[in-house]
Amino acid sequence: MKAEKMREWTPEELEAKVREFSDQLFRLKFQLMNGQTETLVKIRTLRKDIARAKTLRRDLELRGPAAKQADEGR
């Protein structure tokens, strides 16, 4: 998923997506260990998406509410 699209999400949506991506990653890793799947590309993609979402969430925390209002004014 592109970071540009993720930037439009609220902090709550980012948190929900982190949980969703983490759950998907857990299931895929479990399937991989049991030999049910070999989707390494999907696992790598999910790890990167989790990192992007966490980075954007942290960026919003550091910038604070003033930056959020400035972003809405664009």
N, C-alpha and C. Protein backbone atom coordinates (compact mmCIF):
# COMPACT_ATOMS: atom_id res chain seq x y z
N MET A 1 0.85 -1.17 0.00
CA MET A 1 0.00 0.00 0.00
C MET A 1 0.89 1.24 0.00
N LYS A 2 0.47 2.24 -0.71
CA LYS A 2 1.24 3.46 -0.84
C LYS A 2 1.08 4.34 0.40
N ALA A 3 2.17 4.98 0.79
CA ALA A 3 2.14 5.88 1.94
C ALA A 3 1.24 7.08 1.68
N GLU A 4 1.15 7.50 0.42
CA GLU A 4 0.30 8.65 0.07
C GLU A 4 -1.15 8.39 0.50
N LYS A 5 -1.64 7.19 0.25
CA LYS A 5 -3.01 6.85 0.63
C LYS A 5 -3.14 6.77 2.15
N MET A 6 -2.11 6.23 2.80
CA MET A 6 -2.14 6.10 4.26
C MET A 6 -2.15 7.46 4.95
N ARG A 7 -1.55 8.47 4.34
CA ARG A 7 -1.50 9.80 4.94
C ARG A 7 -2.89 10.40 5.13
N GLU A 8 -3.85 9.93 4.37
CA GLU A 8 -5.21 10.46 4.46
C GLU A 8 -5.97 9.88 5.65
N TRP A 9 -5.45 8.83 6.26
CA TRP A 9 -6.14 8.18 7.36
C TRP A 9 -5.96 8.94 8.66
N THR A 10 -6.94 8.81 9.53
CA THR A 10 -6.85 9.38 10.88
C THR A 10 -5.97 8.48 11.75
N PRO A 11 -5.52 8.98 12.90
CA PRO A 11 -4.72 8.12 13.79
C PRO A 11 -5.46 6.85 14.22
N GLU A 12 -6.77 6.95 14.39
CA GLU A 12 -7.56 5.78 14.77
C GLU A 12 -7.57 4.75 13.64
N GLU A 13 -7.71 5.23 12.41
CA GLU A 13 -7.69 4.33 11.26
C GLU A 13 -6.31 3.68 11.10
N LEU A 14 -5.26 4.45 11.34
CA LEU A 14 -3.92 3.88 11.28
C LEU A 14 -3.74 2.78 12.30
N GLU A 15 -4.21 3.02 13.51
CA GLU A 15 -4.11 2.02 14.58
C GLU A 15 -4.88 0.75 14.21
N ALA A 16 -6.07 0.92 13.66
CA ALA A 16 -6.87 -0.24 13.24
C ALA A 16 -6.17 -1.01 12.13
N LYS A 17 -5.57 -0.30 11.20
CA LYS A 17 -4.85 -0.97 10.10
C LYS A 17 -3.62 -1.71 10.61
N VAL A 18 -2.92 -1.13 11.58
CA VAL A 18 -1.76 -1.82 12.15
C VAL A 18 -2.20 -3.15 12.76
N ARG A 19 -3.31 -3.13 13.50
CA ARG A 19 -3.82 -4.37 14.08
C ARG A 19 -4.24 -5.36 13.01
N GLU A 20 -4.92 -4.86 11.97
CA GLU A 20 -5.38 -5.72 10.89
C GLU A 20 -4.19 -6.35 10.16
N PHE A 21 -3.20 -5.53 9.82
CA PHE A 21 -2.02 -6.04 9.12
C PHE A 21 -1.27 -7.05 9.99
N SER A 22 -1.17 -6.77 11.29
CA SER A 22 -0.47 -7.68 12.21
C SER A 22 -1.19 -9.02 12.29
N ASP A 23 -2.52 -8.99 12.34
CA ASP A 23 -3.28 -10.24 12.36
C ASP A 23 -3.07 -11.04 11.08
N GLN A 24 -3.09 -10.36 9.94
CA GLN A 24 -2.85 -11.04 8.66
C GLN A 24 -1.45 -11.64 8.63
N LEU A 25 -0.47 -10.88 9.11
CA LEU A 25 0.90 -11.36 9.13
C LEU A 25 1.03 -12.60 10.00
N PHE A 26 0.40 -12.58 11.17
CA PHE A 26 0.43 -13.74 12.06
C PHE A 26 -0.13 -14.97 11.37
N ARG A 27 -1.29 -14.81 10.72
CA ARG A 27 -1.91 -15.95 10.05
C ARG A 27 -1.03 -16.50 8.92
N LEU A 28 -0.44 -15.59 8.15
CA LEU A 28 0.42 -16.03 7.05
C LEU A 28 1.68 -16.73 7.56
N LYS A 29 2.27 -16.21 8.64
CA LYS A 29 3.45 -16.87 9.20
C LYS A 29 3.09 -18.26 9.73
N PHE A 30 1.94 -18.36 10.34
CA PHE A 30 1.48 -19.64 10.86
C PHE A 30 1.29 -20.63 9.71
N GLN A 31 0.66 -20.19 8.64
CA GLN A 31 0.47 -21.05 7.47
C GLN A 31 1.81 -21.44 6.85
N LEU A 32 2.75 -20.52 6.81
CA LEU A 32 4.06 -20.79 6.24
C LEU A 32 4.79 -21.87 7.04
N MET A 33 4.72 -21.77 8.36
CA MET A 33 5.38 -22.76 9.22
C MET A 33 4.75 -24.14 9.09
N ASN A 34 3.46 -24.18 8.80
CA ASN A 34 2.77 -25.45 8.64
C ASN A 34 2.85 -25.98 7.21
N GLY A 35 3.51 -25.24 6.35
CA GLY A 35 3.68 -25.69 4.98
C GLY A 35 2.45 -25.51 4.12
N GLN A 36 1.51 -24.69 4.55
CA GLN A 36 0.27 -24.52 3.81
C GLN A 36 0.39 -23.45 2.73
N THR A 37 1.39 -22.60 2.84
CA THR A 37 1.53 -21.53 1.87
C THR A 37 3.00 -21.16 1.71
N GLU A 38 3.32 -20.52 0.62
CA GLU A 38 4.68 -20.06 0.37
C GLU A 38 4.65 -18.62 -0.13
N THR A 39 3.87 -17.79 0.53
CA THR A 39 3.68 -16.42 0.07
C THR A 39 4.62 -15.47 0.80
N LEU A 40 5.90 -15.58 0.53
CA LEU A 40 6.88 -14.71 1.15
C LEU A 40 6.71 -13.26 0.73
N VAL A 41 6.28 -13.04 -0.50
CA VAL A 41 6.08 -11.68 -0.99
C VAL A 41 5.00 -10.99 -0.18
N LYS A 42 3.92 -11.69 0.10
CA LYS A 42 2.82 -11.11 0.88
C LYS A 42 3.28 -10.80 2.31
N ILE A 43 4.10 -11.67 2.89
CA ILE A 43 4.62 -11.44 4.24
C ILE A 43 5.50 -10.20 4.25
N ARG A 44 6.38 -10.07 3.28
CA ARG A 44 7.25 -8.89 3.20
C ARG A 44 6.44 -7.62 3.03
N THR A 45 5.43 -7.68 2.18
CA THR A 45 4.58 -6.52 1.93
C THR A 45 3.85 -6.10 3.21
N LEU A 46 3.32 -7.06 3.94
CA LEU A 46 2.61 -6.75 5.18
C LEU A 46 3.56 -6.13 6.21
N ARG A 47 4.77 -6.64 6.31
CA ARG A 47 5.73 -6.07 7.25
C ARG A 47 6.03 -4.61 6.91
N LYS A 48 6.16 -4.32 5.63
CA LYS A 48 6.43 -2.95 5.20
C LYS A 48 5.22 -2.05 5.44
N ASP A 49 4.02 -2.58 5.20
CA ASP A 49 2.80 -1.79 5.45
C ASP A 49 2.65 -1.47 6.93
N ILE A 50 2.97 -2.43 7.79
CA ILE A 50 2.91 -2.20 9.24
C ILE A 50 3.88 -1.09 9.62
N ALA A 51 5.09 -1.16 9.08
CA ALA A 51 6.11 -0.15 9.39
C ALA A 51 5.67 1.23 8.90
N ARG A 52 5.10 1.30 7.70
CA ARG A 52 4.63 2.59 7.17
C ARG A 52 3.54 3.18 8.06
N ALA A 53 2.57 2.34 8.43
CA ALA A 53 1.46 2.81 9.26
C ALA A 53 1.96 3.29 10.62
N LYS A 54 2.88 2.54 11.22
CA LYS A 54 3.42 2.95 12.52
C LYS A 54 4.21 4.24 12.40
N THR A 55 4.96 4.39 11.32
CA THR A 55 5.74 5.61 11.11
C THR A 55 4.83 6.82 10.95
N LEU A 56 3.78 6.67 10.15
CA LEU A 56 2.84 7.78 9.96
C LEU A 56 2.10 8.12 11.25
N ARG A 57 1.74 7.09 12.01
CA ARG A 57 1.06 7.32 13.28
C ARG A 57 1.97 8.10 14.23
N ARG A 58 3.23 7.72 14.28
CA ARG A 58 4.19 8.41 15.15
C ARG A 58 4.42 9.84 14.67
N ASP A 59 4.47 10.03 13.37
CA ASP A 59 4.64 11.37 12.81
C ASP A 59 3.48 12.26 13.23
N LEU A 60 2.27 11.74 13.20
CA LEU A 60 1.11 12.52 13.63
C LEU A 60 1.19 12.86 15.11
N GLU A 61 1.69 11.91 15.91
CA GLU A 61 1.83 12.17 17.35
C GLU A 61 2.82 13.30 17.60
N LEU A 62 3.93 13.29 16.87
CA LEU A 62 4.97 14.29 17.09
C LEU A 62 4.56 15.67 16.59
N ARG A 63 3.84 15.72 15.49
CA ARG A 63 3.45 17.01 14.93
C ARG A 63 2.33 17.65 15.72
N GLY A 64 1.49 16.87 16.33
CA GLY A 64 0.43 17.40 17.18
C GLY A 64 -0.79 17.87 16.41
N PRO A 65 -1.78 18.40 17.12
CA PRO A 65 -3.04 18.80 16.50
C PRO A 65 -2.92 20.00 15.57
N ALA A 66 -1.96 20.88 15.80
CA ALA A 66 -1.81 22.06 14.96
C ALA A 66 -1.45 21.67 13.52
N ALA A 67 -0.60 20.67 13.39
CA ALA A 67 -0.21 20.22 12.05
C ALA A 67 -1.37 19.54 11.34
N LYS A 68 -2.21 18.86 12.09
CA LYS A 68 -3.37 18.19 11.49
C LYS A 68 -4.32 19.23 10.91
N GLN A 69 -4.52 20.34 11.61
CA GLN A 69 -5.39 21.39 11.10
C GLN A 69 -4.78 22.03 9.85
N ALA A 70 -3.47 22.18 9.83
CA ALA A 70 -2.80 22.76 8.66
C ALA A 70 -2.93 21.83 7.47
N ASP A 71 -2.87 20.51 7.70
CA ASP A 71 -3.03 19.55 6.61
C ASP A 71 -4.43 19.60 6.03
N GLU A 72 -5.42 19.82 6.88
CA GLU A 72 -6.80 19.87 6.43
C GLU A 72 -7.05 21.11 5.57
N GLY A 73 -6.29 22.15 5.80
CA GLY A 73 -6.46 23.40 5.07
C GLY A 73 -5.84 23.38 3.68
N ARG A 74 -5.09 22.38 3.34
CA ARG A 74 -4.44 22.30 2.03
C ARG A 74 -5.41 22.16 0.91
